[in-house]
């Protein structure tokens, strides 16, 4: 069984699907942040320097989005965006 087949099978479980759906915003943001960092050709240490912090803080930031255990502040996300030469665009979308 490959990853996609396993994911599809797991998502047939209502509890798994609910958890998955709840984490989609965090995963989407993390994916965009990582893509921006890679596009900018920057390491976590370089991002940290640009944000005026230390590399472990960037590791924690990226891990927190991956785990869904902590939501970073908009100010932190704005600083990260500026560090990778981006801006943020926040939208509310009707459900």
PDB file of N, CA and C in Angstrom:
ATOM      1  N   UNK A   1       0.849  -1.174   0.000  1.00  0.00           N
ATOM      2  CA  UNK A   1       0.000   0.000   0.000  1.00  0.00           C
ATOM      3  C   UNK A   1       0.901   1.245   0.000  1.00  0.00           C
ATOM      4  N   UNK A   2       0.663   2.156  -0.934  1.00  0.00           N
ATOM      5  CA  UNK A   2       1.458   3.372  -0.971  1.00  0.00           C
ATOM      6  C   UNK A   2       0.824   4.451  -0.081  1.00  0.00           C
ATOM      7  N   UNK A   3       1.499   5.583   0.019  1.00  0.00           N
ATOM      8  CA  UNK A   3       1.051   6.660   0.913  1.00  0.00           C
ATOM      9  C   UNK A   3      -0.353   7.152   0.558  1.00  0.00           C
ATOM     10  N   UNK A   4      -0.604   7.377  -0.714  1.00  0.00           N
ATOM     11  CA  UNK A   4      -1.905   7.903  -1.138  1.00  0.00           C
ATOM     12  C   UNK A   4      -3.025   6.917  -0.825  1.00  0.00           C
ATOM     13  N   UNK A   5      -2.800   5.630  -1.024  1.00  0.00           N
ATOM     14  CA  UNK A   5      -3.808   4.620  -0.705  1.00  0.00           C
ATOM     15  C   UNK A   5      -4.075   4.576   0.796  1.00  0.00           C
ATOM     16  N   UNK A   6      -3.009   4.668   1.587  1.00  0.00           N
ATOM     17  CA  UNK A   6      -3.159   4.683   3.042  1.00  0.00           C
ATOM     18  C   UNK A   6      -3.934   5.912   3.494  1.00  0.00           C
ATOM     19  N   UNK A   7      -3.608   7.074   2.919  1.00  0.00           N
ATOM     20  CA  UNK A   7      -4.307   8.316   3.267  1.00  0.00           C
ATOM     21  C   UNK A   7      -5.795   8.206   2.927  1.00  0.00           C
ATOM     22  N   UNK A   8      -6.092   7.734   1.744  1.00  0.00           N
ATOM     23  CA  UNK A   8      -7.479   7.578   1.324  1.00  0.00           C
ATOM     24  C   UNK A   8      -8.246   6.643   2.254  1.00  0.00           C
ATOM     25  N   UNK A   9      -7.621   5.535   2.617  1.00  0.00           N
ATOM     26  CA  UNK A   9      -8.255   4.569   3.509  1.00  0.00           C
ATOM     27  C   UNK A   9      -8.476   5.186   4.892  1.00  0.00           C
ATOM     28  N   UNK A  10      -7.471   5.862   5.419  1.00  0.00           N
ATOM     29  CA  UNK A  10      -7.584   6.472   6.750  1.00  0.00           C
ATOM     30  C   UNK A  10      -8.688   7.523   6.778  1.00  0.00           C
ATOM     31  N   UNK A  11      -8.847   8.269   5.698  1.00  0.00           N
ATOM     32  CA  UNK A  11      -9.840   9.340   5.670  1.00  0.00           C
ATOM     33  C   UNK A  11     -11.276   8.841   5.573  1.00  0.00           C
ATOM     34  N   UNK A  12     -11.459   7.545   5.403  1.00  0.00           N
ATOM     35  CA  UNK A  12     -12.828   7.001   5.441  1.00  0.00           C
ATOM     36  C   UNK A  12     -13.333   6.907   6.880  1.00  0.00           C
ATOM     37  N   UNK A  13     -12.408   6.957   7.842  1.00  0.00           N
ATOM     38  CA  UNK A  13     -12.766   6.968   9.264  1.00  0.00           C
ATOM     39  C   UNK A  13     -13.180   8.393   9.628  1.00  0.00           C
ATOM     40  N   UNK A  14     -14.389   8.551  10.192  1.00  0.00           N
ATOM     41  CA  UNK A  14     -14.911   9.890  10.494  1.00  0.00           C
ATOM     42  C   UNK A  14     -14.037  10.689  11.452  1.00  0.00           C
ATOM     43  N   UNK A  15     -13.512  10.049  12.474  1.00  0.00           N
ATOM     44  CA  UNK A  15     -12.678  10.743  13.451  1.00  0.00           C
ATOM     45  C   UNK A  15     -11.372  11.218  12.809  1.00  0.00           C
ATOM     46  N   UNK A  16     -10.784  10.368  11.996  1.00  0.00           N
ATOM     47  CA  UNK A  16      -9.550  10.728  11.297  1.00  0.00           C
ATOM     48  C   UNK A  16      -9.829  11.878  10.335  1.00  0.00           C
ATOM     49  N   UNK A  17     -10.939  11.791   9.611  1.00  0.00           N
ATOM     50  CA  UNK A  17     -11.305  12.838   8.651  1.00  0.00           C
ATOM     51  C   UNK A  17     -11.512  14.179   9.347  1.00  0.00           C
ATOM     52  N   UNK A  18     -12.169  14.148  10.499  1.00  0.00           N
ATOM     53  CA  UNK A  18     -12.409  15.373  11.254  1.00  0.00           C
ATOM     54  C   UNK A  18     -11.093  16.016  11.701  1.00  0.00           C
ATOM     55  N   UNK A  19     -10.194  15.201  12.238  1.00  0.00           N
ATOM     56  CA  UNK A  19      -8.887  15.707  12.660  1.00  0.00           C
ATOM     57  C   UNK A  19      -8.110  16.256  11.470  1.00  0.00           C
ATOM     58  N   UNK A  20      -8.156  15.542  10.373  1.00  0.00           N
ATOM     59  CA  UNK A  20      -7.466  15.954   9.146  1.00  0.00           C
ATOM     60  C   UNK A  20      -7.997  17.309   8.681  1.00  0.00           C
ATOM     61  N   UNK A  21      -9.305  17.451   8.623  1.00  0.00           N
ATOM     62  CA  UNK A  21      -9.915  18.704   8.175  1.00  0.00           C
ATOM     63  C   UNK A  21      -9.573  19.861   9.100  1.00  0.00           C
ATOM     64  N   UNK A  22      -9.506  19.584  10.407  1.00  0.00           N
ATOM     65  CA  UNK A  22      -9.172  20.629  11.376  1.00  0.00           C
ATOM     66  C   UNK A  22      -7.743  21.136  11.223  1.00  0.00           C
ATOM     67  N   UNK A  23      -6.845  20.294  10.725  1.00  0.00           N
ATOM     68  CA  UNK A  23      -5.441  20.682  10.571  1.00  0.00           C
ATOM     69  C   UNK A  23      -5.104  21.273   9.202  1.00  0.00           C
ATOM     70  N   UNK A  24      -6.055  21.256   8.284  1.00  0.00           N
ATOM     71  CA  UNK A  24      -5.772  21.745   6.933  1.00  0.00           C
ATOM     72  C   UNK A  24      -5.255  23.184   6.888  1.00  0.00           C
ATOM     73  N   UNK A  25      -5.833  24.128   7.644  1.00  0.00           N
ATOM     74  CA  UNK A  25      -5.291  25.500   7.581  1.00  0.00           C
ATOM     75  C   UNK A  25      -3.826  25.575   8.004  1.00  0.00           C
ATOM     76  N   UNK A  26      -3.450  24.857   9.068  1.00  0.00           N
ATOM     77  CA  UNK A  26      -2.067  24.877   9.526  1.00  0.00           C
ATOM     78  C   UNK A  26      -1.132  24.256   8.492  1.00  0.00           C
ATOM     79  N   UNK A  27      -1.545  23.122   7.929  1.00  0.00           N
ATOM     80  CA  UNK A  27      -0.704  22.465   6.929  1.00  0.00           C
ATOM     81  C   UNK A  27      -0.567  23.327   5.670  1.00  0.00           C
ATOM     82  N   UNK A  28      -1.625  23.985   5.294  1.00  0.00           N
ATOM     83  CA  UNK A  28      -1.580  24.854   4.130  1.00  0.00           C
ATOM     84  C   UNK A  28      -0.611  26.019   4.367  1.00  0.00           C
ATOM     85  N   UNK A  29      -0.703  26.633   5.547  1.00  0.00           N
ATOM     86  CA  UNK A  29       0.203  27.734   5.881  1.00  0.00           C
ATOM     87  C   UNK A  29       1.646  27.244   5.936  1.00  0.00           C
ATOM     88  N   UNK A  30       1.876  26.116   6.581  1.00  0.00           N
ATOM     89  CA  UNK A  30       3.230  25.573   6.671  1.00  0.00           C
ATOM     90  C   UNK A  30       3.798  25.309   5.280  1.00  0.00           C
ATOM     91  N   UNK A  31       3.004  24.705   4.416  1.00  0.00           N
ATOM     92  CA  UNK A  31       3.471  24.401   3.057  1.00  0.00           C
ATOM     93  C   UNK A  31       3.880  25.685   2.343  1.00  0.00           C
ATOM     94  N   UNK A  32       3.071  26.728   2.470  1.00  0.00           N
ATOM     95  CA  UNK A  32       3.383  28.002   1.809  1.00  0.00           C
ATOM     96  C   UNK A  32       4.637  28.648   2.415  1.00  0.00           C
ATOM     97  N   UNK A  33       4.785  28.557   3.726  1.00  0.00           N
ATOM     98  CA  UNK A  33       5.967  29.127   4.376  1.00  0.00           C
ATOM     99  C   UNK A  33       7.228  28.407   3.935  1.00  0.00           C
ATOM    100  N   UNK A  34       7.181  27.088   3.913  1.00  0.00           N
ATOM    101  CA  UNK A  34       8.351  26.307   3.498  1.00  0.00           C
ATOM    102  C   UNK A  34       8.697  26.559   2.033  1.00  0.00           C
ATOM    103  N   UNK A  35       7.675  26.646   1.183  1.00  0.00           N
ATOM    104  CA  UNK A  35       7.930  26.943  -0.229  1.00  0.00           C
ATOM    105  C   UNK A  35       8.572  28.319  -0.384  1.00  0.00           C
ATOM    106  N   UNK A  36       8.094  29.296   0.372  1.00  0.00           N
ATOM    107  CA  UNK A  36       8.657  30.653   0.306  1.00  0.00           C
ATOM    108  C   UNK A  36      10.107  30.644   0.775  1.00  0.00           C
ATOM    109  N   UNK A  37      10.397  29.909   1.846  1.00  0.00           N
ATOM    110  CA  UNK A  37      11.769  29.832   2.361  1.00  0.00           C
ATOM    111  C   UNK A  37      12.690  29.180   1.328  1.00  0.00           C
ATOM    112  N   UNK A  38      12.228  28.091   0.728  1.00  0.00           N
ATOM    113  CA  UNK A  38      13.049  27.400  -0.273  1.00  0.00           C
ATOM    114  C   UNK A  38      13.227  28.253  -1.531  1.00  0.00           C
ATOM    115  N   UNK A  39      12.155  28.931  -1.946  1.00  0.00           N
ATOM    116  CA  UNK A  39      12.243  29.820  -3.110  1.00  0.00           C
ATOM    117  C   UNK A  39      13.256  30.934  -2.866  1.00  0.00           C
ATOM    118  N   UNK A  40      13.278  31.436  -1.614  1.00  0.00           N
ATOM    119  CA  UNK A  40      14.223  32.500  -1.257  1.00  0.00           C
ATOM    120  C   UNK A  40      15.635  31.953  -1.076  1.00  0.00           C
ATOM    121  N   UNK A  41      15.766  30.626  -1.016  1.00  0.00           N
ATOM    122  CA  UNK A  41      17.081  30.003  -0.858  1.00  0.00           C
ATOM    123  C   UNK A  41      17.677  30.236   0.518  1.00  0.00           C
ATOM    124  N   UNK A  42      16.810  30.302   1.532  1.00  0.00           N
ATOM    125  CA  UNK A  42      17.265  30.612   2.887  1.00  0.00           C
ATOM    126  C   UNK A  42      17.157  29.404   3.816  1.00  0.00           C
ATOM    127  N   UNK A  43      18.073  29.330   4.754  1.00  0.00           N
ATOM    128  CA  UNK A  43      18.013  28.307   5.796  1.00  0.00           C
ATOM    129  C   UNK A  43      17.192  28.838   6.959  1.00  0.00           C
ATOM    130  N   UNK A  44      16.868  27.960   7.890  1.00  0.00           N
ATOM    131  CA  UNK A  44      16.168  28.396   9.100  1.00  0.00           C
ATOM    132  C   UNK A  44      17.011  29.402   9.872  1.00  0.00           C
ATOM    133  N   UNK A  45      18.314  29.204   9.893  1.00  0.00           N
ATOM    134  CA  UNK A  45      19.208  30.129  10.598  1.00  0.00           C
ATOM    135  C   UNK A  45      19.186  31.510   9.955  1.00  0.00           C
ATOM    136  N   UNK A  46      19.149  31.546   8.630  1.00  0.00           N
ATOM    137  CA  UNK A  46      19.103  32.839   7.941  1.00  0.00           C
ATOM    138  C   UNK A  46      17.771  33.548   8.181  1.00  0.00           C
ATOM    139  N   UNK A  47      16.688  32.782   8.185  1.00  0.00           N
ATOM    140  CA  UNK A  47      15.368  33.362   8.501  1.00  0.00           C
ATOM    141  C   UNK A  47      15.406  33.939   9.911  1.00  0.00           C
ATOM    142  N   UNK A  48      15.939  33.170  10.849  1.00  0.00           N
ATOM    143  CA  UNK A  48      16.016  33.618  12.246  1.00  0.00           C
ATOM    144  C   UNK A  48      16.785  34.928  12.350  1.00  0.00           C
ATOM    145  N   UNK A  49      17.913  35.003  11.690  1.00  0.00           N
ATOM    146  CA  UNK A  49      18.729  36.213  11.728  1.00  0.00           C
ATOM    147  C   UNK A  49      17.930  37.407  11.208  1.00  0.00           C
ATOM    148  N   UNK A  50      17.220  37.210  10.113  1.00  0.00           N
ATOM    149  CA  UNK A  50      16.414  38.289   9.532  1.00  0.00           C
ATOM    150  C   UNK A  50      15.253  38.693  10.446  1.00  0.00           C
ATOM    151  N   UNK A  51      14.767  37.733  11.233  1.00  0.00           N
ATOM    152  CA  UNK A  51      13.652  38.013  12.146  1.00  0.00           C
ATOM    153  C   UNK A  51      14.137  38.523  13.498  1.00  0.00           C
ATOM    154  N   UNK A  52      15.453  38.501  13.716  1.00  0.00           N
ATOM    155  CA  UNK A  52      15.995  38.943  14.993  1.00  0.00           C
ATOM    156  C   UNK A  52      15.818  37.923  16.096  1.00  0.00           C
ATOM    157  N   UNK A  53      15.885  36.655  15.733  1.00  0.00           N
ATOM    158  CA  UNK A  53      15.742  35.574  16.721  1.00  0.00           C
ATOM    159  C   UNK A  53      16.805  34.517  16.433  1.00  0.00           C
ATOM    160  N   UNK A  54      16.662  33.357  17.045  1.00  0.00           N
ATOM    161  CA  UNK A  54      17.629  32.270  16.868  1.00  0.00           C
ATOM    162  C   UNK A  54      16.987  31.127  16.081  1.00  0.00           C
ATOM    163  N   UNK A  55      17.818  30.322  15.435  1.00  0.00           N
ATOM    164  CA  UNK A  55      17.346  29.229  14.587  1.00  0.00           C
ATOM    165  C   UNK A  55      16.371  28.280  15.294  1.00  0.00           C
ATOM    166  N   UNK A  56      16.605  27.909  16.583  1.00  0.00           N
ATOM    167  CA  UNK A  56      15.644  27.000  17.223  1.00  0.00           C
ATOM    168  C   UNK A  56      14.214  27.557  17.266  1.00  0.00           C
ATOM    169  N   UNK A  57      14.093  28.890  17.281  1.00  0.00           N
ATOM    170  CA  UNK A  57      12.752  29.488  17.272  1.00  0.00           C
ATOM    171  C   UNK A  57      12.047  29.226  15.942  1.00  0.00           C
ATOM    172  N   UNK A  58      12.798  29.226  14.855  1.00  0.00           N
ATOM    173  CA  UNK A  58      12.216  28.956  13.539  1.00  0.00           C
ATOM    174  C   UNK A  58      11.866  27.476  13.424  1.00  0.00           C
ATOM    175  N   UNK A  59      12.721  26.625  13.961  1.00  0.00           N
ATOM    176  CA  UNK A  59      12.429  25.191  13.988  1.00  0.00           C
ATOM    177  C   UNK A  59      11.120  24.964  14.744  1.00  0.00           C
ATOM    178  N   UNK A  60      10.992  25.585  15.917  1.00  0.00           N
ATOM    179  CA  UNK A  60       9.756  25.449  16.710  1.00  0.00           C
ATOM    180  C   UNK A  60       8.544  25.990  15.961  1.00  0.00           C
ATOM    181  N   UNK A  61       8.709  27.120  15.297  1.00  0.00           N
ATOM    182  CA  UNK A  61       7.610  27.711  14.532  1.00  0.00           C
ATOM    183  C   UNK A  61       7.120  26.753  13.458  1.00  0.00           C
ATOM    184  N   UNK A  62       8.045  26.232  12.671  1.00  0.00           N
ATOM    185  CA  UNK A  62       7.664  25.315  11.600  1.00  0.00           C
ATOM    186  C   UNK A  62       7.100  24.011  12.154  1.00  0.00           C
ATOM    187  N   UNK A  63       7.676  23.511  13.242  1.00  0.00           N
ATOM    188  CA  UNK A  63       7.174  22.274  13.861  1.00  0.00           C
ATOM    189  C   UNK A  63       5.783  22.488  14.474  1.00  0.00           C
ATOM    190  N   UNK A  64       5.546  23.675  15.044  1.00  0.00           N
ATOM    191  CA  UNK A  64       4.252  23.940  15.674  1.00  0.00           C
ATOM    192  C   UNK A  64       3.138  23.905  14.643  1.00  0.00           C
ATOM    193  N   UNK A  65       3.407  24.377  13.451  1.00  0.00           N
ATOM    194  CA  UNK A  65       2.404  24.322  12.393  1.00  0.00           C
ATOM    195  C   UNK A  65       2.192  22.892  11.919  1.00  0.00           C
ATOM    196  N   UNK A  66       3.273  22.135  11.879  1.00  0.00           N
ATOM    197  CA  UNK A  66       3.193  20.734  11.463  1.00  0.00           C
ATOM    198  C   UNK A  66       2.375  19.908  12.444  1.00  0.00           C
ATOM    199  N   UNK A  67       2.546  20.180  13.726  1.00  0.00           N
ATOM    200  CA  UNK A  67       1.869  19.387  14.748  1.00  0.00           C
ATOM    201  C   UNK A  67       0.483  19.910  15.085  1.00  0.00           C
ATOM    202  N   UNK A  68       0.216  21.178  14.758  1.00  0.00           N
ATOM    203  CA  UNK A  68      -1.067  21.775  15.111  1.00  0.00           C
ATOM    204  C   UNK A  68      -1.200  22.059  16.592  1.00  0.00           C
ATOM    205  N   UNK A  69      -0.087  21.953  17.324  1.00  0.00           N
ATOM    206  CA  UNK A  69      -0.127  22.121  18.778  1.00  0.00           C
ATOM    207  C   UNK A  69      -0.108  23.590  19.197  1.00  0.00           C
ATOM    208  N   UNK A  70       0.335  24.465  18.308  1.00  0.00           N
ATOM    209  CA  UNK A  70       0.445  25.875  18.653  1.00  0.00           C
ATOM    210  C   UNK A  70       0.206  26.693  17.400  1.00  0.00           C
ATOM    211  N   UNK A  71      -0.533  27.770  17.551  1.00  0.00           N
ATOM    212  CA  UNK A  71      -0.755  28.663  16.418  1.00  0.00           C
ATOM    213  C   UNK A  71       0.074  29.913  16.614  1.00  0.00           C
ATOM    214  N   UNK A  72       0.985  30.192  15.686  1.00  0.00           N
ATOM    215  CA  UNK A  72       1.802  31.396  15.810  1.00  0.00           C
ATOM    216  C   UNK A  72       0.945  32.648  15.638  1.00  0.00           C
ATOM    217  N   UNK A  73       1.408  33.749  16.192  1.00  0.00           N
ATOM    218  CA  UNK A  73       0.680  35.007  16.068  1.00  0.00           C
ATOM    219  C   UNK A  73       0.802  35.542  14.643  1.00  0.00           C
ATOM    220  N   UNK A  74      -0.117  36.396  14.277  1.00  0.00           N
ATOM    221  CA  UNK A  74      -0.056  37.028  12.965  1.00  0.00           C
ATOM    222  C   UNK A  74       1.222  37.852  12.849  1.00  0.00           C
ATOM    223  N   UNK A  75       1.631  38.492  13.942  1.00  0.00           N
ATOM    224  CA  UNK A  75       2.862  39.273  13.932  1.00  0.00           C
ATOM    225  C   UNK A  75       4.067  38.394  13.586  1.00  0.00           C
ATOM    226  N   UNK A  76       4.136  37.206  14.163  1.00  0.00           N
ATOM    227  CA  UNK A  76       5.237  36.277  13.869  1.00  0.00           C
ATOM    228  C   UNK A  76       5.207  35.854  12.406  1.00  0.00           C
ATOM    229  N   UNK A  77       4.023  35.579  11.894  1.00  0.00           N
ATOM    230  CA  UNK A  77       3.899  35.173  10.496  1.00  0.00           C
ATOM    231  C   UNK A  77       4.293  36.330   9.578  1.00  0.00           C
ATOM    232  N   UNK A  78       3.936  37.558   9.952  1.00  0.00           N
ATOM    233  CA  UNK A  78       4.328  38.730   9.164  1.00  0.00           C
ATOM    234  C   UNK A  78       5.849  38.881   9.140  1.00  0.00           C
ATOM    235  N   UNK A  79       6.498  38.671  10.280  1.00  0.00           N
ATOM    236  CA  UNK A  79       7.957  38.761  10.336  1.00  0.00           C
ATOM    237  C   UNK A  79       8.600  37.691   9.456  1.00  0.00           C
ATOM    238  N   UNK A  80       8.066  36.476   9.509  1.00  0.00           N
ATOM    239  CA  UNK A  80       8.574  35.382   8.683  1.00  0.00           C
ATOM    240  C   UNK A  80       8.403  35.744   7.213  1.00  0.00           C
ATOM    241  N   UNK A  81       7.214  36.240   6.860  1.00  0.00           N
ATOM    242  CA  UNK A  81       6.950  36.614   5.468  1.00  0.00           C
ATOM    243  C   UNK A  81       7.933  37.672   4.996  1.00  0.00           C
ATOM    244  N   UNK A  82       8.174  38.680   5.807  1.00  0.00           N
ATOM    245  CA  UNK A  82       9.113  39.732   5.437  1.00  0.00           C
ATOM    246  C   UNK A  82      10.518  39.154   5.256  1.00  0.00           C
ATOM    247  N   UNK A  83      10.889  38.209   6.113  1.00  0.00           N
ATOM    248  CA  UNK A  83      12.217  37.592   6.044  1.00  0.00           C
ATOM    249  C   UNK A  83      12.428  36.836   4.741  1.00  0.00           C
ATOM    250  N   UNK A  84      11.341  36.324   4.150  1.00  0.00           N
ATOM    251  CA  UNK A  84      11.446  35.579   2.888  1.00  0.00           C
ATOM    252  C   UNK A  84      10.965  36.427   1.703  1.00  0.00           C
ATOM    253  N   UNK A  85      10.905  37.744   1.930  1.00  0.00           N
ATOM    254  CA  UNK A  85      10.512  38.685   0.877  1.00  0.00           C
ATOM    255  C   UNK A  85       9.105  38.429   0.342  1.00  0.00           C
ATOM    256  N   UNK A  86       8.183  38.181   1.275  1.00  0.00           N
ATOM    257  CA  UNK A  86       6.783  37.963   0.926  1.00  0.00           C
ATOM    258  C   UNK A  86       5.908  38.864   1.785  1.00  0.00           C
ATOM    259  N   UNK A  87       4.638  38.838   1.532  1.00  0.00           N
ATOM    260  CA  UNK A  87       3.659  39.494   2.387  1.00  0.00           C
ATOM    261  C   UNK A  87       2.570  38.469   2.684  1.00  0.00           C
ATOM    262  N   UNK A  88       1.798  38.728   3.723  1.00  0.00           N
ATOM    263  CA  UNK A  88       0.708  37.795   4.017  1.00  0.00           C
ATOM    264  C   UNK A  88      -0.598  38.361   3.466  1.00  0.00           C
ATOM    265  N   UNK A  89      -1.513  37.464   3.171  1.00  0.00           N
ATOM    266  CA  UNK A  89      -2.829  37.828   2.655  1.00  0.00           C
ATOM    267  C   UNK A  89      -3.820  36.941   3.393  1.00  0.00           C
ATOM    268  N   UNK A  90      -4.520  37.517   4.349  1.00  0.00           N
ATOM    269  CA  UNK A  90      -5.457  36.747   5.167  1.00  0.00           C
ATOM    270  C   UNK A  90      -6.863  36.929   4.629  1.00  0.00           C
ATOM    271  N   UNK A  91      -7.587  35.840   4.465  1.00  0.00           N
ATOM    272  CA  UNK A  91      -8.940  35.880   3.944  1.00  0.00           C
ATOM    273  C   UNK A  91      -9.867  35.042   4.810  1.00  0.00           C
ATOM    274  N   UNK A  92     -11.099  35.474   4.915  1.00  0.00           N
ATOM    275  CA  UNK A  92     -12.145  34.645   5.492  1.00  0.00           C
ATOM    276  C   UNK A  92     -12.967  34.127   4.315  1.00  0.00           C
ATOM    277  N   UNK A  93     -13.170  32.831   4.278  1.00  0.00           N
ATOM    278  CA  UNK A  93     -13.874  32.197   3.175  1.00  0.00           C
ATOM    279  C   UNK A  93     -15.135  31.539   3.707  1.00  0.00           C
ATOM    280  N   UNK A  94     -16.237  31.787   3.082  1.00  0.00           N
ATOM    281  CA  UNK A  94     -17.494  31.185   3.532  1.00  0.00           C
ATOM    282  C   UNK A  94     -17.397  29.669   3.492  1.00  0.00           C
ATOM    283  N   UNK A  95     -17.929  29.038   4.530  1.00  0.00           N
ATOM    284  CA  UNK A  95     -17.874  27.571   4.617  1.00  0.00           C
ATOM    285  C   UNK A  95     -18.944  26.923   3.784  1.00  0.00           C
TER     286      UNK A  95
END
